[in-house]
PDB file of N, CA and C in Angstrom:
ATOM      1  N   VAL A   1     179.778  97.631  44.952  1.00  0.00           N
ATOM      2  CA  VAL A   1     180.833  97.245  45.866  1.00  0.00           C
ATOM      3  C   VAL A   1     182.183  97.729  45.333  1.00  0.00           C
ATOM      4  N   GLN A   2     182.353  97.711  44.002  1.00  0.00           N
ATOM      5  CA  GLN A   2     183.609  98.158  43.417  1.00  0.00           C
ATOM      6  C   GLN A   2     183.887  99.622  43.709  1.00  0.00           C
ATOM      7  N   ALA A   3     182.860 100.406  43.960  1.00  0.00           N
ATOM      8  CA  ALA A   3     183.032 101.838  44.199  1.00  0.00           C
ATOM      9  C   ALA A   3     183.369 102.149  45.656  1.00  0.00           C
ATOM     10  N   MET A   4     183.384 101.145  46.510  1.00  0.00           N
ATOM     11  CA  MET A   4     183.662 101.376  47.925  1.00  0.00           C
ATOM     12  C   MET A   4     185.103 100.990  48.236  1.00  0.00           C
ATOM     13  N   ALA A   5     185.818 101.892  48.873  1.00  0.00           N
ATOM     14  CA  ALA A   5     187.238 101.694  49.166  1.00  0.00           C
ATOM     15  C   ALA A   5     187.450 100.667  50.268  1.00  0.00           C
ATOM     16  N   ASP A   6     188.429  99.786  50.059  1.00  0.00           N
ATOM     17  CA  ASP A   6     188.762  98.771  51.064  1.00  0.00           C
ATOM     18  C   ASP A   6     189.211  99.398  52.377  1.00  0.00           C
ATOM     19  N   GLU A   7     189.925 100.521  52.294  1.00  0.00           N
ATOM     20  CA  GLU A   7     190.433 101.142  53.521  1.00  0.00           C
ATOM     21  C   GLU A   7     189.319 101.714  54.402  1.00  0.00           C
ATOM     22  N   HIS A   8     188.110 101.824  53.866  1.00  0.00           N
ATOM     23  CA  HIS A   8     186.969 102.297  54.657  1.00  0.00           C
ATOM     24  C   HIS A   8     185.953 101.180  54.888  1.00  0.00           C
ATOM     25  N   ALA A   9     186.423  99.948  54.888  1.00  0.00           N
ATOM     26  CA  ALA A   9     185.529  98.791  54.975  1.00  0.00           C
ATOM     27  C   ALA A   9     184.570  98.860  56.157  1.00  0.00           C
ATOM     28  N   ALA A  10     185.013  99.370  57.276  1.00  0.00           N
ATOM     29  CA  ALA A  10     184.147  99.437  58.460  1.00  0.00           C
ATOM     30  C   ALA A  10     182.990 100.416  58.270  1.00  0.00           C
ATOM     31  N   ARG A  11     183.143 101.391  57.370  1.00  0.00           N
ATOM     32  CA  ARG A  11     182.088 102.386  57.124  1.00  0.00           C
ATOM     33  C   ARG A  11     181.288 102.101  55.865  1.00  0.00           C
ATOM     34  N   ASN A  12     181.760 101.168  55.037  1.00  0.00           N
ATOM     35  CA  ASN A  12     181.071 100.867  53.784  1.00  0.00           C
ATOM     36  C   ASN A  12     179.691 100.287  54.049  1.00  0.00           C
ATOM     37  N   LEU A  13     178.752 100.694  53.202  1.00  0.00           N
ATOM     38  CA  LEU A  13     177.379 100.205  53.330  1.00  0.00           C
ATOM     39  C   LEU A  13     176.840  99.921  51.942  1.00  0.00           C
ATOM     40  N   LEU A  14     176.285  98.747  51.757  1.00  0.00           N
ATOM     41  CA  LEU A  14     175.560  98.394  50.558  1.00  0.00           C
ATOM     42  C   LEU A  14     174.186  97.946  51.016  1.00  0.00           C
ATOM     43  N   ARG A  15     173.178  98.722  50.660  1.00  0.00           N
ATOM     44  CA  ARG A  15     171.815  98.445  51.116  1.00  0.00           C
ATOM     45  C   ARG A  15     170.957  98.077  49.917  1.00  0.00           C
ATOM     46  N   VAL A  16     170.283  96.950  50.004  1.00  0.00           N
ATOM     47  CA  VAL A  16     169.329  96.528  48.981  1.00  0.00           C
ATOM     48  C   VAL A  16     167.985  96.410  49.684  1.00  0.00           C
ATOM     49  N   SER A  17     167.003  97.116  49.157  1.00  0.00           N
ATOM     50  CA  SER A  17     165.674  97.061  49.784  1.00  0.00           C
ATOM     51  C   SER A  17     164.600  96.974  48.719  1.00  0.00           C
ATOM     52  N   THR A  18     163.461  96.452  49.124  1.00  0.00           N
ATOM     53  CA  THR A  18     162.311  96.359  48.235  1.00  0.00           C
ATOM     54  C   THR A  18     161.086  96.857  48.975  1.00  0.00           C
ATOM     55  N   HIS A  19     160.178  97.426  48.225  1.00  0.00           N
ATOM     56  CA  HIS A  19     158.890  97.818  48.780  1.00  0.00           C
ATOM     57  C   HIS A  19     157.902  98.005  47.642  1.00  0.00           C
ATOM     58  N   THR A  20     156.665  98.231  47.994  1.00  0.00           N
ATOM     59  CA  THR A  20     155.614  98.493  47.022  1.00  0.00           C
ATOM     60  C   THR A  20     155.323  99.979  47.038  1.00  0.00           C
ATOM     61  N   SER A  21     155.255 100.572  45.855  1.00  0.00           N
ATOM     62  CA  SER A  21     154.949 102.001  45.760  1.00  0.00           C
ATOM     63  C   SER A  21     153.476 102.237  46.068  1.00  0.00           C
ATOM     64  N   PRO A  22     153.080 103.486  46.307  1.00  0.00           N
ATOM     65  CA  PRO A  22     151.667 103.788  46.529  1.00  0.00           C
ATOM     66  C   PRO A  22     150.777 103.360  45.360  1.00  0.00           C
ATOM     67  N   ARG A  23     151.354 103.263  44.157  1.00  0.00           N
ATOM     68  CA  ARG A  23     150.582 102.838  42.977  1.00  0.00           C
ATOM     69  C   ARG A  23     150.630 101.325  42.778  1.00  0.00           C
ATOM     70  N   GLY A  24     151.247 100.608  43.695  1.00  0.00           N
ATOM     71  CA  GLY A  24     151.290  99.153  43.626  1.00  0.00           C
ATOM     72  C   GLY A  24     152.448  98.591  42.836  1.00  0.00           C
ATOM     73  N   GLU A  25     153.398  99.423  42.423  1.00  0.00           N
ATOM     74  CA  GLU A  25     154.556  98.950  41.678  1.00  0.00           C
ATOM     75  C   GLU A  25     155.578  98.330  42.629  1.00  0.00           C
ATOM     76  N   VAL A  26     156.395  97.444  42.095  1.00  0.00           N
ATOM     77  CA  VAL A  26     157.508  96.872  42.851  1.00  0.00           C
ATOM     78  C   VAL A  26     158.689  97.820  42.714  1.00  0.00           C
ATOM     79  N   VAL A  27     159.290  98.180  43.839  1.00  0.00           N
ATOM     80  CA  VAL A  27     160.437  99.091  43.843  1.00  0.00           C
ATOM     81  C   VAL A  27     161.617  98.380  44.490  1.00  0.00           C
ATOM     82  N   VAL A  28     162.736  98.373  43.785  1.00  0.00           N
ATOM     83  CA  VAL A  28     163.987  97.808  44.304  1.00  0.00           C
ATOM     84  C   VAL A  28     164.996  98.942  44.347  1.00  0.00           C
ATOM     85  N   GLU A  29     165.620  99.126  45.500  1.00  0.00           N
ATOM     86  CA  GLU A  29     166.634 100.169  45.654  1.00  0.00           C
ATOM     87  C   GLU A  29     167.959  99.532  46.050  1.00  0.00           C
ATOM     88  N   VAL A  30     169.016  99.990  45.398  1.00  0.00           N
ATOM     89  CA  VAL A  30     170.373  99.559  45.736  1.00  0.00           C
ATOM     90  C   VAL A  30     171.166 100.832  46.017  1.00  0.00           C
ATOM     91  N   GLN A  31     171.669 100.944  47.232  1.00  0.00           N
ATOM     92  CA  GLN A  31     172.378 102.155  47.645  1.00  0.00           C
ATOM     93  C   GLN A  31     173.737 101.784  48.225  1.00  0.00           C
ATOM     94  N   ASP A  32     174.759 102.571  47.846  1.00  0.00           N
ATOM     95  CA  ASP A  32     176.087 102.333  48.400  1.00  0.00           C
ATOM     96  C   ASP A  32     176.666 103.623  48.962  1.00  0.00           C
ATOM     97  N   THR A  33     177.721 103.459  49.730  1.00  0.00           N
ATOM     98  CA  THR A  33     178.445 104.606  50.278  1.00  0.00           C
ATOM     99  C   THR A  33     179.798 104.737  49.584  1.00  0.00           C
ATOM    100  N   GLY A  34     179.791 104.447  48.277  1.00  0.00           N
ATOM    101  CA  GLY A  34     181.019 104.506  47.496  1.00  0.00           C
ATOM    102  C   GLY A  34     181.417 105.927  47.149  1.00  0.00           C
ATOM    103  N   VAL A  35     182.236 106.046  46.123  1.00  0.00           N
ATOM    104  CA  VAL A  35     182.793 107.342  45.736  1.00  0.00           C
ATOM    105  C   VAL A  35     181.781 108.249  45.056  1.00  0.00           C
ATOM    106  N   GLY A  36     180.660 107.711  44.616  1.00  0.00           N
ATOM    107  CA  GLY A  36     179.662 108.504  43.916  1.00  0.00           C
ATOM    108  C   GLY A  36     180.123 108.849  42.510  1.00  0.00           C
ATOM    109  N   MET A  37     179.266 109.537  41.780  1.00  0.00           N
ATOM    110  CA  MET A  37     179.575 109.905  40.403  1.00  0.00           C
ATOM    111  C   MET A  37     179.378 111.398  40.191  1.00  0.00           C
ATOM    112  N   LYS A  38     180.263 111.968  39.398  1.00  0.00           N
ATOM    113  CA  LYS A  38     180.107 113.359  38.998  1.00  0.00           C
ATOM    114  C   LYS A  38     178.941 113.447  38.014  1.00  0.00           C
ATOM    115  N   PRO A  39     178.300 114.614  37.903  1.00  0.00           N
ATOM    116  CA  PRO A  39     177.156 114.762  36.998  1.00  0.00           C
ATOM    117  C   PRO A  39     177.447 114.338  35.558  1.00  0.00           C
ATOM    118  N   GLU A  40     178.645 114.617  35.066  1.00  0.00           N
ATOM    119  CA  GLU A  40     178.957 114.254  33.682  1.00  0.00           C
ATOM    120  C   GLU A  40     179.056 112.737  33.494  1.00  0.00           C
ATOM    121  N   VAL A  41     179.427 112.016  34.523  1.00  0.00           N
ATOM    122  CA  VAL A  41     179.444 110.549  34.466  1.00  0.00           C
ATOM    123  C   VAL A  41     178.022 110.020  34.617  1.00  0.00           C
ATOM    124  N   LEU A  42     177.285 110.546  35.570  1.00  0.00           N
ATOM    125  CA  LEU A  42     175.913 110.118  35.813  1.00  0.00           C
ATOM    126  C   LEU A  42     175.052 110.293  34.563  1.00  0.00           C
ATOM    127  N   SER A  43     175.261 111.365  33.824  1.00  0.00           N
ATOM    128  CA  SER A  43     174.446 111.626  32.629  1.00  0.00           C
ATOM    129  C   SER A  43     174.700 110.613  31.513  1.00  0.00           C
ATOM    130  N   ARG A  44     175.795 109.890  31.568  1.00  0.00           N
ATOM    131  CA  ARG A  44     176.130 108.906  30.535  1.00  0.00           C
ATOM    132  C   ARG A  44     176.018 107.463  31.025  1.00  0.00           C
ATOM    133  N   LEU A  45     175.502 107.254  32.217  1.00  0.00           N
ATOM    134  CA  LEU A  45     175.494 105.953  32.870  1.00  0.00           C
ATOM    135  C   LEU A  45     174.851 104.850  32.038  1.00  0.00           C
ATOM    136  N   PHE A  46     173.797 105.167  31.307  1.00  0.00           N
ATOM    137  CA  PHE A  46     173.076 104.147  30.543  1.00  0.00           C
ATOM    138  C   PHE A  46     173.495 104.122  29.071  1.00  0.00           C
ATOM    139  N   GLU A  47     174.557 104.813  28.731  1.00  0.00           N
ATOM    140  CA  GLU A  47     175.080 104.855  27.366  1.00  0.00           C
ATOM    141  C   GLU A  47     175.953 103.625  27.119  1.00  0.00           C
ATOM    142  N   PRO A  48     175.627 102.824  26.077  1.00  0.00           N
ATOM    143  CA  PRO A  48     176.435 101.641  25.805  1.00  0.00           C
ATOM    144  C   PRO A  48     177.909 101.988  25.583  1.00  0.00           C
ATOM    145  N   PHE A  49     178.764 101.168  26.146  1.00  0.00           N
ATOM    146  CA  PHE A  49     180.220 101.237  26.034  1.00  0.00           C
ATOM    147  C   PHE A  49     180.854 102.406  26.788  1.00  0.00           C
ATOM    148  N   PHE A  50     180.068 103.187  27.525  1.00  0.00           N
ATOM    149  CA  PHE A  50     180.660 104.234  28.359  1.00  0.00           C
ATOM    150  C   PHE A  50     181.096 103.599  29.667  1.00  0.00           C
ATOM    151  N   THR A  51     182.328 103.832  30.060  1.00  0.00           N
ATOM    152  CA  THR A  51     182.842 103.299  31.322  1.00  0.00           C
ATOM    153  C   THR A  51     183.938 104.202  31.861  1.00  0.00           C
ATOM    154  N   THR A  52     184.105 104.157  33.153  1.00  0.00           N
ATOM    155  CA  THR A  52     185.218 104.856  33.797  1.00  0.00           C
ATOM    156  C   THR A  52     186.241 103.848  34.317  1.00  0.00           C
ATOM    157  N   ARG A  53     186.006 102.572  34.055  1.00  0.00           N
ATOM    158  CA  ARG A  53     186.874 101.502  34.550  1.00  0.00           C
ATOM    159  C   ARG A  53     187.636 100.857  33.391  1.00  0.00           C
ATOM    160  N   SER A  54     188.892 100.579  33.620  1.00  0.00           N
ATOM    161  CA  SER A  54     189.718  99.999  32.563  1.00  0.00           C
ATOM    162  C   SER A  54     189.365  98.540  32.269  1.00  0.00           C
ATOM    163  N   ASN A  55     188.754  97.858  33.213  1.00  0.00           N
ATOM    164  CA  ASN A  55     188.430  96.440  33.034  1.00  0.00           C
ATOM    165  C   ASN A  55     186.941  96.207  32.776  1.00  0.00           C
ATOM    166  N   SER A  56     186.251  97.187  32.202  1.00  0.00           N
ATOM    167  CA  SER A  56     184.818  97.093  31.960  1.00  0.00           C
ATOM    168  C   SER A  56     184.507  97.397  30.507  1.00  0.00           C
ATOM    169  N   MET A  57     183.473  96.757  29.994  1.00  0.00           N
ATOM    170  CA  MET A  57     183.020  97.050  28.636  1.00  0.00           C
ATOM    171  C   MET A  57     181.965  98.153  28.622  1.00  0.00           C
ATOM    172  N   GLY A  58     181.445  98.522  29.789  1.00  0.00           N
ATOM    173  CA  GLY A  58     180.437  99.561  29.838  1.00  0.00           C
ATOM    174  C   GLY A  58     179.069  99.107  29.364  1.00  0.00           C
ATOM    175  N   MET A  59     178.746  97.843  29.596  1.00  0.00           N
ATOM    176  CA  MET A  59     177.457  97.325  29.131  1.00  0.00           C
ATOM    177  C   MET A  59     176.498  96.934  30.251  1.00  0.00           C
ATOM    178  N   GLY A  60     176.971  96.873  31.497  1.00  0.00           N
ATOM    179  CA  GLY A  60     176.109  96.432  32.596  1.00  0.00           C
ATOM    180  C   GLY A  60     174.880  97.299  32.799  1.00  0.00           C
ATOM    181  N   MET A  61     175.089  98.583  32.935  1.00  0.00           N
ATOM    182  CA  MET A  61     173.953  99.478  33.177  1.00  0.00           C
ATOM    183  C   MET A  61     173.079  99.659  31.930  1.00  0.00           C
ATOM    184  N   PRO A  62     173.647  99.784  30.718  1.00  0.00           N
ATOM    185  CA  PRO A  62     172.784  99.863  29.543  1.00  0.00           C
ATOM    186  C   PRO A  62     171.902  98.619  29.355  1.00  0.00           C
ATOM    187  N   VAL A  63     172.451  97.440  29.566  1.00  0.00           N
ATOM    188  CA  VAL A  63     171.664  96.215  29.437  1.00  0.00           C
ATOM    189  C   VAL A  63     170.595  96.154  30.522  1.00  0.00           C
ATOM    190  N   SER A  64     170.959  96.508  31.744  1.00  0.00           N
ATOM    191  CA  SER A  64     169.978  96.533  32.838  1.00  0.00           C
ATOM    192  C   SER A  64     168.847  97.503  32.518  1.00  0.00           C
ATOM    193  N   HIS A  65     169.192  98.678  32.018  1.00  0.00           N
ATOM    194  CA  HIS A  65     168.199  99.685  31.658  1.00  0.00           C
ATOM    195  C   HIS A  65     167.275  99.152  30.567  1.00  0.00           C
ATOM    196  N   ALA A  66     167.835  98.499  29.557  1.00  0.00           N
ATOM    197  CA  ALA A  66     167.031  97.948  28.469  1.00  0.00           C
ATOM    198  C   ALA A  66     166.062  96.877  28.973  1.00  0.00           C
ATOM    199  N   ILE A  67     166.517  96.015  29.857  1.00  0.00           N
ATOM    200  CA  ILE A  67     165.651  94.967  30.405  1.00  0.00           C
ATOM    201  C   ILE A  67     164.514  95.581  31.205  1.00  0.00           C
ATOM    202  N   VAL A  68     164.844  96.495  32.098  1.00  0.00           N
ATOM    203  CA  VAL A  68     163.820  97.104  32.958  1.00  0.00           C
ATOM    204  C   VAL A  68     162.794  97.867  32.122  1.00  0.00           C
ATOM    205  N   THR A  69     163.240  98.665  31.166  1.00  0.00           N
ATOM    206  CA  THR A  69     162.291  99.435  30.358  1.00  0.00           C
ATOM    207  C   THR A  69     161.469  98.534  29.438  1.00  0.00           C
ATOM    208  N   SER A  70     162.044  97.405  28.985  1.00  0.00           N
ATOM    209  CA  SER A  70     161.262  96.480  28.154  1.00  0.00           C
ATOM    210  C   SER A  70     160.133  95.832  28.944  1.00  0.00           C
ATOM    211  N   LEU A  71     160.254  95.812  30.246  1.00  0.00           N
ATOM    212  CA  LEU A  71     159.207  95.275  31.118  1.00  0.00           C
ATOM    213  C   LEU A  71     158.224  96.356  31.560  1.00  0.00           C
ATOM    214  N   GLY A  72     158.390  97.569  31.025  1.00  0.00           N
ATOM    215  CA  GLY A  72     157.487  98.667  31.370  1.00  0.00           C
ATOM    216  C   GLY A  72     157.896  99.411  32.619  1.00  0.00           C
ATOM    217  N   GLY A  73     159.111  99.193  33.081  1.00  0.00           N
ATOM    218  CA  GLY A  73     159.572  99.837  34.303  1.00  0.00           C
ATOM    219  C   GLY A  73     160.526 100.985  34.045  1.00  0.00           C
ATOM    220  N   THR A  74     161.075 101.488  35.131  1.00  0.00           N
ATOM    221  CA  THR A  74     162.065 102.556  35.047  1.00  0.00           C
ATOM    222  C   THR A  74     163.283 102.164  35.880  1.00  0.00           C
ATOM    223  N   LEU A  75     164.431 102.659  35.452  1.00  0.00           N
ATOM    224  CA  LEU A  75     165.667 102.489  36.195  1.00  0.00           C
ATOM    225  C   LEU A  75     166.304 103.863  36.250  1.00  0.00           C
ATOM    226  N   ARG A  76     166.489 104.372  37.451  1.00  0.00           N
ATOM    227  CA  ARG A  76     167.110 105.693  37.589  1.00  0.00           C
ATOM    228  C   ARG A  76     168.241 105.631  38.588  1.00  0.00           C
ATOM    229  N   ALA A  77     169.116 106.621  38.458  1.00  0.00           N
ATOM    230  CA  ALA A  77     170.277 106.694  39.332  1.00  0.00           C
ATOM    231  C   ALA A  77     170.413 108.099  39.886  1.00  0.00           C
ATOM    232  N   GLU A  78     170.751 108.167  41.157  1.00  0.00           N
ATOM    233  CA  GLU A  78     171.067 109.427  41.827  1.00  0.00           C
ATOM    234  C   GLU A  78     172.431 109.227  42.469  1.00  0.00           C
ATOM    235  N   SER A  79     173.276 110.245  42.396  1.00  0.00           N
ATOM    236  CA  SER A  79     174.607 110.085  42.953  1.00  0.00           C
ATOM    237  C   SER A  79     175.189 111.429  43.334  1.00  0.00           C
ATOM    238  N   GLN A  80     176.007 111.404  44.377  1.00  0.00           N
ATOM    239  CA  GLN A  80     176.743 112.583  44.798  1.00  0.00           C
ATOM    240  C   GLN A  80     178.197 112.179  45.017  1.00  0.00           C
ATOM    241  N   PRO A  81     179.109 112.887  44.369  1.00  0.00           N
ATOM    242  CA  PRO A  81     180.520 112.561  44.574  1.00  0.00           C
ATOM    243  C   PRO A  81     180.880 112.575  46.069  1.00  0.00           C
ATOM    244  N   GLY A  82     181.559 111.534  46.495  1.00  0.00           N
ATOM    245  CA  GLY A  82     181.978 111.422  47.884  1.00  0.00           C
ATOM    246  C   GLY A  82     180.913 110.892  48.824  1.00  0.00           C
ATOM    247  N   MET A  83     179.685 110.720  48.334  1.00  0.00           N
ATOM    248  CA  MET A  83     178.587 110.293  49.199  1.00  0.00           C
ATOM    249  C   MET A  83     178.001 108.934  48.812  1.00  0.00           C
ATOM    250  N   GLY A  84     178.097 108.557  47.544  1.00  0.00           N
ATOM    251  CA  GLY A  84     177.542 107.282  47.124  1.00  0.00           C
ATOM    252  C   GLY A  84     176.469 107.424  46.067  1.00  0.00           C
ATOM    253  N   THR A  85     175.840 106.301  45.770  1.00  0.00           N
ATOM    254  CA  THR A  85     174.880 106.228  44.669  1.00  0.00           C
ATOM    255  C   THR A  85     173.645 105.450  45.100  1.00  0.00           C
ATOM    256  N   LEU A  86     172.505 105.858  44.556  1.00  0.00           N
ATOM    257  CA  LEU A  86     171.242 105.153  44.751  1.00  0.00           C
ATOM    258  C   LEU A  86     170.694 104.797  43.385  1.00  0.00           C
ATOM    259  N   ILE A  87     170.485 103.507  43.153  1.00  0.00           N
ATOM    260  CA  ILE A  87     169.852 103.011  41.934  1.00  0.00           C
ATOM    261  C   ILE A  87     168.452 102.562  42.313  1.00  0.00           C
ATOM    262  N   THR A  88     167.446 103.040  41.574  1.00  0.00           N
ATOM    263  CA  THR A  88     166.061 102.667  41.852  1.00  0.00           C
ATOM    264  C   THR A  88     165.440 102.027  40.624  1.00  0.00           C
ATOM    265  N   ILE A  89     164.929 100.820  40.805  1.00  0.00           N
ATOM    266  CA  ILE A  89     164.215 100.095  39.755  1.00  0.00           C
ATOM    267  C   ILE A  89     162.751 100.052  40.167  1.00  0.00           C
ATOM    268  N   THR A  90     161.881 100.460  39.263  1.00  0.00           N
ATOM    269  CA  THR A  90     160.455 100.418  39.515  1.00  0.00           C
ATOM    270  C   THR A  90     159.813  99.569  38.414  1.00  0.00           C
ATOM    271  N   LEU A  91     159.045  98.559  38.815  1.00  0.00           N
ATOM    272  CA  LEU A  91     158.416  97.646  37.857  1.00  0.00           C
ATOM    273  C   LEU A  91     156.923  97.576  38.097  1.00  0.00           C
ATOM    274  N   PRO A  92     156.145  97.585  36.996  1.00  0.00           N
ATOM    275  CA  PRO A  92     154.706  97.426  37.162  1.00  0.00           C
ATOM    276  C   PRO A  92     154.394  95.989  37.583  1.00  0.00           C
ATOM    277  N   VAL A  93     153.283  95.805  38.252  1.00  0.00           N
ATOM    278  CA  VAL A  93     152.907  94.478  38.721  1.00  0.00           C
ATOM    279  C   VAL A  93     152.268  93.659  37.603  1.00  0.00           C
ATOM    280  N   ASP A  94     151.505  94.289  36.737  1.00  0.00           N
ATOM    281  CA  ASP A  94     150.816  93.523  35.689  1.00  0.00           C
ATOM    282  C   ASP A  94     151.588  93.375  34.434  1.00  0.00           C
TER     283      ASP A  94
END
């Protein structure tokens, strides 16, 4: 939500969806229509203490990644500048 501009509130979209993968895994997707990330930012997204925000410690995504991977899952991010970001969490059922 922080990545979506207030002046475009009528066009902003935050979509959270869940489904089961063909292999039976739980998939959670979070997609926004925010500013997106440049490749150099995206490549460091899960790096502890990396942030582009002055009021952030840069620990949210690294901690989330650590939790998901400790459960045997994956957390990935896709982003295009000016188009938004898609975060996908995949967790095994067992």
